[in-house]
Amino acid sequence: MALALSVALEPVKLGAILTASGLPAGTTTLTIERTSPSGAVAGVRGAVGVATGGASSFIAHDYELPLDVTVTYKVTAYDAGGASLGTASAIFSIVYGQCEAWLVDIARPTNSLQLVIESMIELDFGLPSGIHRVLDRRAPVVTALPAWTPSSELVVLTETLQERDQLRALLGSGYPFLLRTEPEQGIGNMYLALTEFVEERFLTPGDAPERRFRISVVQVERPDPQVYVPVAPNTYANVKASFATYAALKAGVASYGDLAYIYPPGTTSPIIPWLPDDV
């Protein structure tokens, strides 16, 4: 069986499910990358230099691929010495067609959520420079370096307490996150690190769930896909509750990769409360 790569839509978080099959004999690690129309190459998080454990197939999830952009995925299999044993490619795109944006938690994808951006009015580009005034010279001597990445205030709205908790968990972790929109909105994919966030209850009734979050951010490079590896949503407790026996588990799930990304029954976004409000 020849090495092959297939891509399917992951509808819950609007990502891609990548299945590498027919891994050559002797494969010890593999890497999956995606290439955008600009030529930029990005490793798929959790699938860069990852050990295969002797399996003949491998499943990865990409929650960061740009919306409304056609990308090319490529998987490369490597032997123990690091030599390539073969490659396979697949083309994929997500047609979005919505105004709402996504905030993507790159460490815990289940905290990612779709919401409305109220404003992101300006990008403030700082510039490292030195201005030197010289006697008998009207104009100064200026030395300058390339501009830093911009800072901004991102203001978003949540409508339910579930969304509020998800966003609290996403921002409260302190990890960089991805702002993911259609290119037509003038943003596309922008990785942001936050320096502060404020949660506002902007409707007066005490039981109104709507919230406004004002998030102070600075743009950063895409975090290393080998350092920030996503945590799969499923848990051992959920597996025990979902399958009465090991035989039932084997009959209901094709592989460990599938099992790790099965959402618990009745929910599509299991979260860990941050911080607990019942102590």
Protein backbone atom coordinates (compact mmCIF):
# COMPACT_ATOMS: atom_id res chain seq x y z
CA MET A 1 0.00 0.00 0.00
CA ALA A 2 1.48 3.36 -1.04
CA LEU A 3 1.77 6.31 1.30
CA ALA A 4 -1.38 8.49 1.03
CA LEU A 5 -2.82 11.56 2.73
CA SER A 6 -6.53 12.33 2.97
CA VAL A 7 -8.22 15.43 4.42
CA ALA A 8 -11.76 15.82 5.77
CA LEU A 9 -13.65 18.61 7.50
CA GLU A 10 -13.79 18.62 11.29
CA PRO A 11 -17.12 20.45 11.63
CA VAL A 12 -17.21 21.18 15.36
CA LYS A 13 -14.26 23.59 15.40
CA LEU A 14 -14.06 24.09 11.62
CA GLY A 15 -10.72 22.36 11.22
CA ALA A 16 -9.18 19.61 9.12
CA ILE A 17 -8.80 15.93 9.96
CA LEU A 18 -5.70 14.53 8.26
CA THR A 19 -5.16 10.81 7.84
CA ALA A 20 -1.80 9.51 6.67
CA SER A 21 -2.12 5.87 5.59
CA GLY A 22 0.18 3.29 4.08
CA LEU A 23 3.21 4.46 6.06
CA PRO A 24 6.28 2.68 4.60
CA ALA A 25 7.97 -0.09 6.56
CA GLY A 26 10.65 1.36 8.80
CA THR A 27 8.84 4.64 9.41
CA THR A 28 9.67 5.98 12.87
CA THR A 29 8.55 9.62 12.59
CA LEU A 30 6.50 11.78 10.26
CA THR A 31 5.81 15.45 9.63
CA ILE A 32 2.71 17.05 8.11
CA GLU A 33 2.96 20.57 6.72
CA ARG A 34 0.60 22.90 4.90
CA THR A 35 1.54 25.41 2.23
CA SER A 36 -0.56 28.51 1.61
CA PRO A 37 -0.89 30.33 -1.74
CA SER A 38 1.77 32.83 -0.58
CA GLY A 39 4.25 29.96 -0.32
CA ALA A 40 4.36 30.10 3.47
CA VAL A 41 4.89 26.65 5.02
CA ALA A 42 3.49 25.79 8.47
CA GLY A 43 3.87 22.53 10.34
CA VAL A 44 0.60 21.05 11.57
CA ARG A 45 0.53 21.32 15.35
CA GLY A 46 1.14 17.96 16.98
CA ALA A 47 2.34 16.39 13.70
CA VAL A 48 5.90 17.69 13.36
CA GLY A 49 8.59 15.10 13.96
CA VAL A 50 6.05 12.95 15.78
CA ALA A 51 6.79 9.29 16.52
CA THR A 52 4.54 6.81 14.74
CA GLY A 53 5.12 3.88 17.08
CA GLY A 54 5.32 1.45 14.18
CA ALA A 55 1.72 2.09 13.12
CA SER A 56 0.73 2.02 9.45
CA SER A 57 -1.50 5.11 9.74
CA PHE A 58 -1.60 8.37 11.65
CA ILE A 59 -4.35 10.93 12.35
CA ALA A 60 -3.77 14.64 12.97
CA HIS A 61 -6.04 17.65 13.41
CA ASP A 62 -5.39 21.15 12.08
CA TYR A 63 -7.49 23.84 13.77
CA GLU A 64 -5.46 26.73 12.37
CA LEU A 65 -5.81 26.49 8.59
CA PRO A 66 -6.93 29.80 7.06
CA LEU A 67 -10.58 30.21 6.11
CA ASP A 68 -11.53 30.57 2.44
CA VAL A 69 -7.95 29.76 1.38
CA THR A 70 -6.86 26.69 -0.59
CA VAL A 71 -3.87 25.01 1.06
CA THR A 72 -1.73 22.01 0.16
CA TYR A 73 -0.93 19.46 2.86
CA LYS A 74 2.13 17.22 2.60
CA VAL A 75 3.14 14.30 4.78
CA THR A 76 6.71 13.03 4.86
CA ALA A 77 7.70 9.72 6.46
CA TYR A 78 11.19 9.32 7.95
CA ASP A 79 13.26 6.34 9.08
CA ALA A 80 15.29 6.15 12.28
CA GLY A 81 18.21 7.93 10.63
CA GLY A 82 16.08 10.85 9.47
CA ALA A 83 16.02 9.85 5.79
CA SER A 84 12.79 10.42 3.87
CA LEU A 85 10.86 7.28 2.97
CA GLY A 86 8.29 9.05 0.83
CA THR A 87 5.76 11.88 0.65
CA ALA A 88 2.09 12.35 -0.20
CA SER A 89 0.00 15.47 -0.71
CA ALA A 90 -3.62 16.62 -0.61
CA ILE A 91 -5.39 19.91 -1.41
CA PHE A 92 -8.06 21.29 0.92
CA SER A 93 -10.03 24.45 1.67
CA ILE A 94 -12.83 25.59 3.96
CA VAL A 95 -15.49 27.84 2.42
CA TYR A 96 -16.69 29.90 5.40
CA GLY A 97 -18.86 32.77 4.19
CA GLN A 98 -19.69 34.12 7.66
CA CYS A 99 -18.86 37.38 9.44
CA GLU A 100 -18.18 35.87 12.85
CA ALA A 101 -14.55 35.25 13.76
CA TRP A 102 -12.88 32.37 15.59
CA LEU A 103 -10.59 32.63 18.60
CA VAL A 104 -8.51 29.46 18.52
CA ASP A 105 -6.93 28.02 21.66
CA ILE A 106 -3.81 26.38 20.25
CA ALA A 107 -3.17 24.36 23.42
CA ARG A 108 -6.72 23.21 24.22
CA PRO A 109 -8.80 23.28 21.01
CA THR A 110 -12.10 22.64 22.80
CA ASN A 111 -11.89 26.15 24.26
CA SER A 112 -11.88 27.63 20.73
CA LEU A 113 -15.06 29.49 19.92
CA GLN A 114 -16.88 31.45 17.26
CA LEU A 115 -17.87 34.97 18.27
CA VAL A 116 -18.46 38.54 17.14
CA ILE A 117 -15.66 41.09 17.00
CA GLU A 118 -17.04 44.41 18.16
CA SER A 119 -13.91 46.35 17.29
CA MET A 120 -10.22 46.18 16.50
CA ILE A 121 -9.84 49.80 15.54
CA GLU A 122 -6.11 50.34 15.25
CA LEU A 123 -2.79 48.57 15.01
CA ASP A 124 -0.07 50.45 16.87
CA PHE A 125 3.34 49.84 15.26
CA GLY A 126 6.21 50.87 17.51
CA LEU A 127 9.49 51.74 15.78
CA PRO A 128 12.90 51.46 17.47
CA SER A 129 14.70 54.68 16.57
CA GLY A 130 17.23 57.17 17.78
CA ILE A 131 16.94 60.90 17.02
CA HIS A 132 20.15 62.88 17.35
CA ARG A 133 20.17 66.67 17.24
CA VAL A 134 23.39 68.20 15.95
CA LEU A 135 24.56 71.80 16.44
CA ASP A 136 24.33 74.00 13.33
CA ARG A 137 22.09 71.42 11.61
CA ARG A 138 18.35 71.91 11.34
CA ALA A 139 17.41 68.31 10.57
CA PRO A 140 18.34 65.58 13.05
CA VAL A 141 20.35 62.46 12.34
CA VAL A 142 18.00 59.50 12.69
CA THR A 143 18.85 55.85 13.07
CA ALA A 144 15.95 53.39 12.82
CA LEU A 145 15.31 49.65 12.68
CA PRO A 146 12.34 47.73 11.24
CA ALA A 147 9.04 48.30 13.02
CA TRP A 148 7.95 45.96 15.77
CA THR A 149 4.80 43.87 15.38
CA PRO A 150 1.70 45.88 16.30
CA SER A 151 -0.23 46.05 19.54
CA SER A 152 -3.97 46.60 19.65
CA GLU A 153 -7.16 46.24 21.66
CA LEU A 154 -9.44 43.46 20.51
CA VAL A 155 -13.04 43.77 21.73
CA VAL A 156 -15.28 40.71 21.38
CA LEU A 157 -18.77 39.75 22.53
CA THR A 158 -20.03 36.50 24.04
CA GLU A 159 -23.72 35.63 24.23
CA THR A 160 -23.91 32.68 26.65
CA LEU A 161 -22.30 31.66 29.92
CA GLN A 162 -20.77 28.70 28.10
CA GLU A 163 -19.03 31.06 25.68
CA ARG A 164 -17.95 33.29 28.55
CA ASP A 165 -16.36 30.33 30.35
CA GLN A 166 -14.64 29.18 27.18
CA LEU A 167 -13.18 32.61 26.56
CA ARG A 168 -12.11 32.98 30.20
CA ALA A 169 -10.29 29.66 29.94
CA LEU A 170 -8.69 30.58 26.61
CA LEU A 171 -7.44 33.97 27.78
CA GLY A 172 -6.72 32.95 31.36
CA SER A 173 -4.19 30.30 30.31
CA GLY A 174 -1.78 33.03 29.20
CA TYR A 175 -0.96 31.17 25.99
CA PRO A 176 -0.85 32.94 22.63
CA PHE A 177 -4.01 32.40 20.62
CA LEU A 178 -5.12 32.64 17.01
CA LEU A 179 -7.57 35.22 15.69
CA ARG A 180 -9.02 33.50 12.62
CA THR A 181 -11.22 35.34 10.12
CA GLU A 182 -11.98 35.46 6.46
CA PRO A 183 -9.31 37.35 4.49
CA GLU A 184 -11.98 39.84 3.36
CA GLN A 185 -12.17 41.18 6.91
CA GLY A 186 -8.60 42.41 6.59
CA ILE A 187 -7.19 40.07 9.24
CA GLY A 188 -6.97 36.48 8.04
CA ASN A 189 -4.88 34.51 10.54
CA MET A 190 -3.25 36.63 13.26
CA TYR A 191 -1.45 35.13 16.26
CA LEU A 192 -1.77 37.26 19.37
CA ALA A 193 -0.32 37.31 22.88
CA LEU A 194 -2.36 39.10 25.50
CA THR A 195 -1.14 41.48 28.18
CA GLU A 196 -4.48 42.13 29.88
CA PHE A 197 -8.18 41.47 29.46
CA VAL A 198 -11.30 43.01 30.98
CA GLU A 199 -14.70 41.32 31.19
CA GLU A 200 -17.69 43.67 31.14
CA ARG A 201 -21.30 42.94 32.04
CA PHE A 202 -22.83 45.49 29.67
CA LEU A 203 -26.51 44.61 30.20
CA THR A 204 -27.96 45.70 33.53
CA PRO A 205 -30.03 42.67 34.59
CA GLY A 206 -28.01 40.44 36.89
CA ASP A 207 -28.96 37.27 35.04
CA ALA A 208 -28.06 38.55 31.55
CA PRO A 209 -25.33 36.23 30.19
CA GLU A 210 -23.92 38.59 27.53
CA ARG A 211 -20.37 39.83 28.09
CA ARG A 212 -17.92 42.18 26.40
CA PHE A 213 -14.22 41.30 26.61
CA ARG A 214 -11.61 44.02 26.01
CA ILE A 215 -8.34 42.26 25.28
CA SER A 216 -4.98 44.06 25.08
CA VAL A 217 -2.83 42.13 22.60
CA VAL A 218 0.40 42.19 20.63
CA GLN A 219 0.94 40.26 17.42
CA VAL A 220 3.47 37.42 17.65
CA GLU A 221 4.93 34.86 15.30
CA ARG A 222 3.15 31.53 15.03
CA PRO A 223 4.08 29.54 18.15
CA ASP A 224 6.33 26.53 17.52
CA PRO A 225 4.10 23.54 16.63
CA GLN A 226 6.43 21.21 18.53
CA VAL A 227 6.24 23.28 21.74
CA TYR A 228 2.53 24.11 21.81
CA VAL A 229 0.88 20.75 21.14
CA PRO A 230 -2.93 20.54 21.43
CA VAL A 231 -4.53 18.45 24.14
CA ALA A 232 -7.12 16.00 22.80
CA PRO A 233 -10.64 16.59 24.20
CA ASN A 234 -11.49 13.07 25.28
CA THR A 235 -10.73 11.74 28.78
CA TYR A 236 -10.42 8.32 30.35
CA ALA A 237 -13.50 9.05 32.49
CA ASN A 238 -15.54 9.79 29.38
CA VAL A 239 -14.33 6.60 27.69
CA LYS A 240 -15.45 4.54 30.69
CA ALA A 241 -18.85 6.24 30.66
CA SER A 242 -19.30 5.78 26.90
CA PHE A 243 -18.21 2.13 26.46
CA ALA A 244 -19.29 -0.63 28.80
CA THR A 245 -16.60 -3.08 27.69
CA TYR A 246 -13.33 -3.12 25.78
CA ALA A 247 -15.06 -5.09 23.04
CA ALA A 248 -17.63 -2.29 22.69
CA LEU A 249 -14.80 0.23 22.48
CA LYS A 250 -13.05 -1.70 19.70
CA ALA A 251 -16.33 -2.06 17.81
CA GLY A 252 -17.23 1.61 18.09
CA VAL A 253 -13.90 3.33 17.41
CA ALA A 254 -11.55 2.67 14.51
CA SER A 255 -8.31 3.87 16.11
CA TYR A 256 -6.78 5.59 19.12
CA GLY A 257 -6.53 8.77 17.05
CA ASP A 258 -10.29 8.72 16.51
CA LEU A 259 -10.95 7.98 20.18
CA ALA A 260 -8.84 10.91 21.39
CA TYR A 261 -10.95 13.38 19.43
CA ILE A 262 -14.43 12.05 20.18
CA TYR A 263 -16.26 14.77 22.10
CA PRO A 264 -18.07 13.63 25.27
CA PRO A 265 -21.79 12.93 24.79
CA GLY A 266 -24.04 15.97 24.86
CA THR A 267 -21.32 18.58 24.40
CA THR A 268 -19.00 19.89 21.72
CA SER A 269 -16.87 22.09 23.97
CA PRO A 270 -15.89 20.51 27.29
CA ILE A 271 -14.01 23.08 29.33
CA ILE A 272 -12.22 23.31 32.65
CA PRO A 273 -13.74 26.20 34.66
CA TRP A 274 -11.38 29.10 35.24
CA LEU A 275 -11.42 30.06 37.99
CA PRO A 276 -13.85 27.90 40.04
CA ASP A 277 -16.84 29.91 41.24
CA ASP A 278 -18.20 27.42 43.77
CA VAL A 279 -15.46 27.38 46.45
